[in-house]
């Protein structure tokens, strides 16, 4: 009986030490999405690299690639920022997302309001 308890506690300890690493791996990789907007449909690829403490990301769409800023993954929530310029006007888009397996549920906050979309793991 004591041996089972010791094995259970050992397994629990290993899992608790591995969870932070697994959370970062959950975000890392390529994610693809189709975003509907008043301007039409956009195909997007987001790629995240690094650990929870030092995540980096890129956004790729028909206009090209751009770096994501302030990429953070904490308490199950991913946040990042895109700073854009369009027709001589600079603006910021804030994103927050949660993971559900191989689906990332994203809320995009723009100067014109919020829009939601889902991204799927690509790799």
N, C-alpha and C. Protein backbone atom coordinates (compact mmCIF):
# COMPACT_ATOMS: atom_id res chain seq x y z
N UNK A 1 0.82 -1.19 0.00
CA UNK A 1 0.00 0.00 0.00
C UNK A 1 0.87 1.26 0.00
N UNK A 2 1.95 1.23 0.81
CA UNK A 2 2.84 2.39 0.87
C UNK A 2 3.55 2.60 -0.45
N UNK A 3 3.86 1.50 -1.12
CA UNK A 3 4.54 1.62 -2.41
C UNK A 3 3.64 2.29 -3.43
N UNK A 4 2.36 1.94 -3.46
CA UNK A 4 1.42 2.58 -4.39
C UNK A 4 1.31 4.07 -4.11
N UNK A 5 1.24 4.41 -2.85
CA UNK A 5 1.15 5.83 -2.47
C UNK A 5 2.41 6.58 -2.91
N UNK A 6 3.56 5.95 -2.73
CA UNK A 6 4.83 6.58 -3.13
C UNK A 6 4.89 6.75 -4.64
N UNK A 7 4.44 5.73 -5.40
CA UNK A 7 4.41 5.84 -6.86
C UNK A 7 3.45 6.93 -7.31
N UNK A 8 2.30 7.00 -6.68
CA UNK A 8 1.31 8.02 -7.02
C UNK A 8 1.87 9.41 -6.76
N UNK A 9 2.50 9.62 -5.62
CA UNK A 9 3.08 10.92 -5.29
C UNK A 9 4.22 11.27 -6.24
N UNK A 10 5.01 10.28 -6.62
CA UNK A 10 6.10 10.52 -7.57
C UNK A 10 5.54 10.94 -8.93
N UNK A 11 4.52 10.24 -9.39
CA UNK A 11 3.89 10.59 -10.67
C UNK A 11 3.28 11.98 -10.61
N UNK A 12 2.64 12.31 -9.52
CA UNK A 12 2.04 13.64 -9.34
C UNK A 12 3.11 14.72 -9.38
N UNK A 13 4.23 14.49 -8.76
CA UNK A 13 5.33 15.45 -8.75
C UNK A 13 5.86 15.66 -10.17
N UNK A 14 6.07 14.58 -10.90
CA UNK A 14 6.58 14.68 -12.28
C UNK A 14 5.60 15.47 -13.14
N UNK A 15 4.31 15.19 -13.03
CA UNK A 15 3.31 15.92 -13.81
C UNK A 15 3.28 17.40 -13.45
N UNK A 16 3.37 17.73 -12.18
CA UNK A 16 3.33 19.13 -11.78
C UNK A 16 4.54 19.89 -12.29
N UNK A 17 5.67 19.24 -12.40
CA UNK A 17 6.87 19.88 -12.94
C UNK A 17 6.80 20.01 -14.46
N UNK A 18 6.09 19.12 -15.12
CA UNK A 18 6.01 19.14 -16.58
C UNK A 18 4.95 20.08 -17.11
N UNK A 19 3.93 20.40 -16.33
CA UNK A 19 2.83 21.22 -16.83
C UNK A 19 3.24 22.58 -17.37
N UNK A 20 4.11 23.34 -16.72
CA UNK A 20 4.50 24.62 -17.30
C UNK A 20 5.15 24.46 -18.68
N UNK A 21 5.97 23.46 -18.87
CA UNK A 21 6.59 23.24 -20.17
C UNK A 21 5.56 22.85 -21.21
N UNK A 22 4.61 22.02 -20.83
CA UNK A 22 3.57 21.61 -21.77
C UNK A 22 2.71 22.78 -22.18
N UNK A 23 2.43 23.71 -21.31
CA UNK A 23 1.61 24.87 -21.65
C UNK A 23 2.28 25.69 -22.74
N UNK A 24 3.59 25.91 -22.64
CA UNK A 24 4.31 26.67 -23.66
C UNK A 24 4.31 25.94 -24.99
N UNK A 25 4.47 24.62 -24.96
CA UNK A 25 4.45 23.83 -26.18
C UNK A 25 3.07 23.88 -26.81
N UNK A 26 2.05 24.08 -26.02
CA UNK A 26 0.71 24.16 -26.58
C UNK A 26 0.53 25.35 -27.48
N UNK A 27 1.24 26.45 -27.24
CA UNK A 27 1.13 27.65 -28.05
C UNK A 27 2.10 27.61 -29.21
N UNK A 28 3.30 27.10 -28.98
CA UNK A 28 4.34 27.11 -30.01
C UNK A 28 3.89 26.36 -31.25
N UNK A 29 4.26 26.92 -32.40
CA UNK A 29 3.94 26.29 -33.67
C UNK A 29 3.15 27.23 -34.57
N UNK A 30 2.70 26.67 -35.69
CA UNK A 30 1.94 27.45 -36.67
C UNK A 30 0.45 27.21 -36.49
N UNK A 31 -0.30 28.29 -36.65
CA UNK A 31 -1.76 28.27 -36.55
C UNK A 31 -2.32 28.99 -37.77
N UNK A 32 -3.38 28.43 -38.38
CA UNK A 32 -3.99 29.07 -39.55
C UNK A 32 -5.43 29.41 -39.25
N UNK A 33 -5.89 30.49 -39.88
CA UNK A 33 -7.27 30.93 -39.67
C UNK A 33 -7.79 31.61 -40.93
N UNK A 34 -9.10 31.59 -41.06
CA UNK A 34 -9.80 32.37 -42.08
C UNK A 34 -10.61 33.41 -41.32
N UNK A 35 -10.36 34.69 -41.64
CA UNK A 35 -11.02 35.78 -40.94
C UNK A 35 -11.95 36.50 -41.90
N UNK A 36 -13.21 36.60 -41.50
CA UNK A 36 -14.21 37.33 -42.29
C UNK A 36 -14.28 38.76 -41.77
N UNK A 37 -14.29 39.73 -42.69
CA UNK A 37 -14.42 41.13 -42.29
C UNK A 37 -15.21 41.87 -43.36
N UNK A 38 -15.57 43.12 -43.10
CA UNK A 38 -16.28 43.90 -44.12
C UNK A 38 -15.47 44.04 -45.42
N UNK A 39 -14.17 43.89 -45.34
CA UNK A 39 -13.31 44.00 -46.52
C UNK A 39 -13.12 42.66 -47.23
N UNK A 40 -13.72 41.60 -46.72
CA UNK A 40 -13.61 40.29 -47.36
C UNK A 40 -12.99 39.25 -46.44
N UNK A 41 -12.56 38.16 -47.06
CA UNK A 41 -12.00 37.03 -46.34
C UNK A 41 -10.47 37.08 -46.40
N UNK A 42 -9.83 36.84 -45.27
CA UNK A 42 -8.37 36.82 -45.20
C UNK A 42 -7.90 35.48 -44.66
N UNK A 43 -6.90 34.91 -45.30
CA UNK A 43 -6.23 33.71 -44.82
C UNK A 43 -5.01 34.17 -44.04
N UNK A 44 -4.88 33.70 -42.80
CA UNK A 44 -3.83 34.16 -41.90
C UNK A 44 -3.07 32.97 -41.34
N UNK A 45 -1.76 33.15 -41.17
CA UNK A 45 -0.93 32.18 -40.46
C UNK A 45 -0.24 32.91 -39.33
N UNK A 46 -0.36 32.38 -38.13
CA UNK A 46 0.35 32.90 -36.96
C UNK A 46 1.35 31.84 -36.55
N UNK A 47 2.57 32.28 -36.22
CA UNK A 47 3.58 31.34 -35.75
C UNK A 47 4.16 31.86 -34.45
N UNK A 48 4.21 30.97 -33.45
CA UNK A 48 4.73 31.31 -32.13
C UNK A 48 5.93 30.43 -31.82
N UNK A 49 6.99 31.06 -31.28
CA UNK A 49 8.21 30.35 -30.91
C UNK A 49 8.63 30.78 -29.52
N UNK A 50 9.35 29.89 -28.83
CA UNK A 50 9.91 30.22 -27.53
C UNK A 50 9.18 29.55 -26.39
N UNK A 51 9.47 30.05 -25.18
CA UNK A 51 8.86 29.52 -23.96
C UNK A 51 7.83 30.52 -23.45
N UNK A 52 7.09 30.13 -22.44
CA UNK A 52 6.07 31.02 -21.87
C UNK A 52 6.66 32.37 -21.49
N UNK A 53 7.89 32.37 -20.98
CA UNK A 53 8.51 33.60 -20.50
C UNK A 53 9.01 34.48 -21.64
N UNK A 54 9.30 33.88 -22.79
CA UNK A 54 9.88 34.63 -23.90
C UNK A 54 9.27 34.21 -25.22
N UNK A 55 7.98 34.36 -25.38
CA UNK A 55 7.33 34.01 -26.63
C UNK A 55 7.55 35.11 -27.67
N UNK A 56 7.70 34.68 -28.90
CA UNK A 56 7.78 35.58 -30.05
C UNK A 56 6.79 35.08 -31.07
N UNK A 57 6.29 35.99 -31.91
CA UNK A 57 5.34 35.57 -32.91
C UNK A 57 5.39 36.39 -34.17
N UNK A 58 4.89 35.78 -35.25
CA UNK A 58 4.75 36.47 -36.52
C UNK A 58 3.34 36.25 -37.05
N UNK A 59 2.89 37.20 -37.82
CA UNK A 59 1.57 37.18 -38.47
C UNK A 59 1.83 37.25 -39.96
N UNK A 60 1.26 36.33 -40.73
CA UNK A 60 1.43 36.33 -42.18
C UNK A 60 0.06 36.33 -42.83
N UNK A 61 -0.13 37.24 -43.77
CA UNK A 61 -1.36 37.28 -44.56
C UNK A 61 -1.02 37.77 -45.96
N UNK A 62 -2.01 38.10 -46.77
CA UNK A 62 -1.75 38.48 -48.16
C UNK A 62 -0.93 39.76 -48.28
N UNK A 63 -0.85 40.54 -47.22
CA UNK A 63 -0.05 41.77 -47.23
C UNK A 63 1.41 41.53 -46.85
N UNK A 64 1.74 40.33 -46.37
CA UNK A 64 3.11 40.01 -45.99
C UNK A 64 3.20 39.55 -44.55
N UNK A 65 4.40 39.61 -44.02
CA UNK A 65 4.68 39.15 -42.66
C UNK A 65 4.92 40.35 -41.75
N UNK A 66 4.49 40.21 -40.49
CA UNK A 66 4.79 41.24 -39.49
C UNK A 66 5.02 40.56 -38.14
N UNK A 67 5.88 41.19 -37.35
CA UNK A 67 6.17 40.67 -36.02
C UNK A 67 5.04 41.03 -35.06
N UNK A 68 4.74 40.10 -34.17
CA UNK A 68 3.78 40.36 -33.10
C UNK A 68 4.54 40.92 -31.91
N UNK A 69 3.90 41.78 -31.16
CA UNK A 69 4.53 42.40 -30.00
C UNK A 69 3.82 41.99 -28.72
N UNK A 70 4.55 42.10 -27.61
CA UNK A 70 4.01 41.80 -26.28
C UNK A 70 3.31 40.44 -26.23
N UNK A 71 3.93 39.43 -26.80
CA UNK A 71 3.36 38.07 -26.82
C UNK A 71 3.55 37.45 -25.45
N UNK A 72 2.43 37.06 -24.82
CA UNK A 72 2.47 36.46 -23.48
C UNK A 72 1.48 35.31 -23.39
N UNK A 73 1.88 34.29 -22.66
CA UNK A 73 0.98 33.18 -22.36
C UNK A 73 1.03 32.95 -20.87
N UNK A 74 -0.06 33.26 -20.19
CA UNK A 74 -0.12 33.10 -18.73
C UNK A 74 -1.53 32.72 -18.33
N UNK A 75 -1.62 31.82 -17.36
CA UNK A 75 -2.89 31.37 -16.81
C UNK A 75 -3.86 30.93 -17.90
N UNK A 76 -3.31 30.23 -18.92
CA UNK A 76 -4.14 29.68 -19.98
C UNK A 76 -4.61 30.67 -21.03
N UNK A 77 -4.09 31.89 -20.98
CA UNK A 77 -4.52 32.91 -21.93
C UNK A 77 -3.32 33.46 -22.71
N UNK A 78 -3.46 33.52 -24.02
CA UNK A 78 -2.44 34.08 -24.90
C UNK A 78 -2.87 35.50 -25.27
N UNK A 79 -1.95 36.45 -25.18
CA UNK A 79 -2.23 37.82 -25.61
C UNK A 79 -1.08 38.30 -26.48
N UNK A 80 -1.41 39.15 -27.46
CA UNK A 80 -0.39 39.76 -28.30
C UNK A 80 -0.97 40.99 -28.98
N UNK A 81 -0.08 41.78 -29.58
CA UNK A 81 -0.45 43.06 -30.19
C UNK A 81 0.13 43.14 -31.59
N UNK A 82 -0.65 43.74 -32.50
CA UNK A 82 -0.13 44.09 -33.83
C UNK A 82 -0.29 45.59 -34.00
N UNK A 83 0.80 46.26 -34.36
CA UNK A 83 0.77 47.69 -34.67
C UNK A 83 0.83 47.81 -36.19
N UNK A 84 -0.18 48.47 -36.76
CA UNK A 84 -0.31 48.54 -38.21
C UNK A 84 -0.41 49.98 -38.69
N UNK A 85 -0.15 50.15 -39.96
CA UNK A 85 -0.39 51.43 -40.61
C UNK A 85 -1.19 51.15 -41.88
N UNK A 86 -2.26 51.92 -42.08
CA UNK A 86 -3.11 51.73 -43.24
C UNK A 86 -3.55 53.10 -43.73
N UNK A 87 -3.27 53.39 -44.99
CA UNK A 87 -3.60 54.69 -45.58
C UNK A 87 -3.05 55.85 -44.75
N UNK A 88 -1.83 55.69 -44.26
CA UNK A 88 -1.19 56.75 -43.48
C UNK A 88 -1.65 56.86 -42.04
N UNK A 89 -2.51 55.98 -41.60
CA UNK A 89 -3.01 55.99 -40.21
C UNK A 89 -2.45 54.80 -39.45
N UNK A 90 -1.87 55.08 -38.28
CA UNK A 90 -1.35 54.02 -37.42
C UNK A 90 -2.43 53.60 -36.43
N UNK A 91 -2.53 52.31 -36.18
CA UNK A 91 -3.46 51.82 -35.18
C UNK A 91 -2.96 50.50 -34.61
N UNK A 92 -3.53 50.13 -33.47
CA UNK A 92 -3.13 48.92 -32.74
C UNK A 92 -4.30 47.96 -32.69
N UNK A 93 -4.00 46.68 -32.90
CA UNK A 93 -4.99 45.63 -32.73
C UNK A 93 -4.50 44.74 -31.59
N UNK A 94 -5.34 44.54 -30.60
CA UNK A 94 -5.03 43.68 -29.45
C UNK A 94 -5.75 42.34 -29.63
N UNK A 95 -5.05 41.27 -29.28
CA UNK A 95 -5.60 39.93 -29.40
C UNK A 95 -5.53 39.22 -28.06
N UNK A 96 -6.55 38.43 -27.77
CA UNK A 96 -6.51 37.51 -26.64
C UNK A 96 -7.08 36.19 -27.12
N UNK A 97 -6.51 35.10 -26.63
CA UNK A 97 -6.92 33.79 -27.12
C UNK A 97 -6.80 32.75 -26.03
N UNK A 98 -7.61 31.72 -26.18
CA UNK A 98 -7.52 30.54 -25.33
C UNK A 98 -7.36 29.32 -26.22
N UNK A 99 -6.70 28.30 -25.69
CA UNK A 99 -6.49 27.07 -26.44
C UNK A 99 -7.49 26.01 -26.01
N UNK A 100 -7.99 25.29 -26.99
CA UNK A 100 -8.86 24.15 -26.75
C UNK A 100 -8.36 23.03 -27.66
N UNK A 101 -7.37 22.28 -27.18
CA UNK A 101 -6.74 21.26 -28.02
C UNK A 101 -5.99 21.91 -29.17
N UNK A 102 -6.35 21.54 -30.40
CA UNK A 102 -5.71 22.09 -31.59
C UNK A 102 -6.48 23.27 -32.17
N UNK A 103 -7.32 23.89 -31.35
CA UNK A 103 -8.06 25.08 -31.76
C UNK A 103 -7.70 26.24 -30.84
N UNK A 104 -7.44 27.39 -31.44
CA UNK A 104 -7.17 28.62 -30.71
C UNK A 104 -8.36 29.54 -30.95
N UNK A 105 -9.09 29.89 -29.89
CA UNK A 105 -10.24 30.79 -29.99
C UNK A 105 -9.75 32.21 -29.69
N UNK A 106 -9.84 33.07 -30.71
CA UNK A 106 -9.21 34.38 -30.66
C UNK A 106 -10.25 35.49 -30.68
N UNK A 107 -10.03 36.50 -29.83
CA UNK A 107 -10.81 37.74 -29.88
C UNK A 107 -9.86 38.84 -30.30
N UNK A 108 -10.23 39.53 -31.37
CA UNK A 108 -9.43 40.60 -31.94
C UNK A 108 -10.13 41.91 -31.63
N UNK A 109 -9.45 42.83 -30.93
CA UNK A 109 -10.03 44.13 -30.57
C UNK A 109 -9.43 45.20 -31.45
N UNK A 110 -10.26 45.79 -32.30
CA UNK A 110 -9.83 46.82 -33.24
C UNK A 110 -10.45 48.15 -32.86
N UNK A 111 -10.00 49.24 -33.46
CA UNK A 111 -10.64 50.53 -33.20
C UNK A 111 -12.13 50.54 -33.57
N UNK A 112 -12.54 49.62 -34.43
CA UNK A 112 -13.95 49.55 -34.85
C UNK A 112 -14.75 48.49 -34.11
N UNK A 113 -14.17 47.86 -33.09
CA UNK A 113 -14.90 46.87 -32.31
C UNK A 113 -14.17 45.53 -32.27
N UNK A 114 -14.86 44.55 -31.72
CA UNK A 114 -14.27 43.22 -31.57
C UNK A 114 -14.76 42.25 -32.64
N UNK A 115 -13.90 41.31 -32.96
CA UNK A 115 -14.24 40.25 -33.90
C UNK A 115 -13.62 38.97 -33.36
N UNK A 116 -14.31 37.86 -33.50
CA UNK A 116 -13.81 36.58 -33.03
C UNK A 116 -13.55 35.66 -34.21
N UNK A 117 -12.52 34.82 -34.05
CA UNK A 117 -12.24 33.80 -35.05
C UNK A 117 -11.52 32.65 -34.37
N UNK A 118 -11.50 31.53 -35.06
CA UNK A 118 -10.82 30.34 -34.54
C UNK A 118 -9.67 30.00 -35.48
N UNK A 119 -8.54 29.67 -34.89
CA UNK A 119 -7.36 29.22 -35.66
C UNK A 119 -7.13 27.74 -35.35
N UNK A 120 -6.63 27.04 -36.32
CA UNK A 120 -6.34 25.60 -36.17
C UNK A 120 -4.84 25.38 -36.25
N UNK A 121 -4.37 24.44 -35.46
CA UNK A 121 -2.94 24.10 -35.50
C UNK A 121 -2.59 23.58 -36.89
N UNK A 122 -1.51 24.11 -37.45
CA UNK A 122 -1.11 23.76 -38.80
C UNK A 122 0.00 22.72 -38.84
N UNK A 123 0.74 22.56 -37.73
CA UNK A 123 1.85 21.60 -37.74
C UNK A 123 1.77 20.66 -36.58
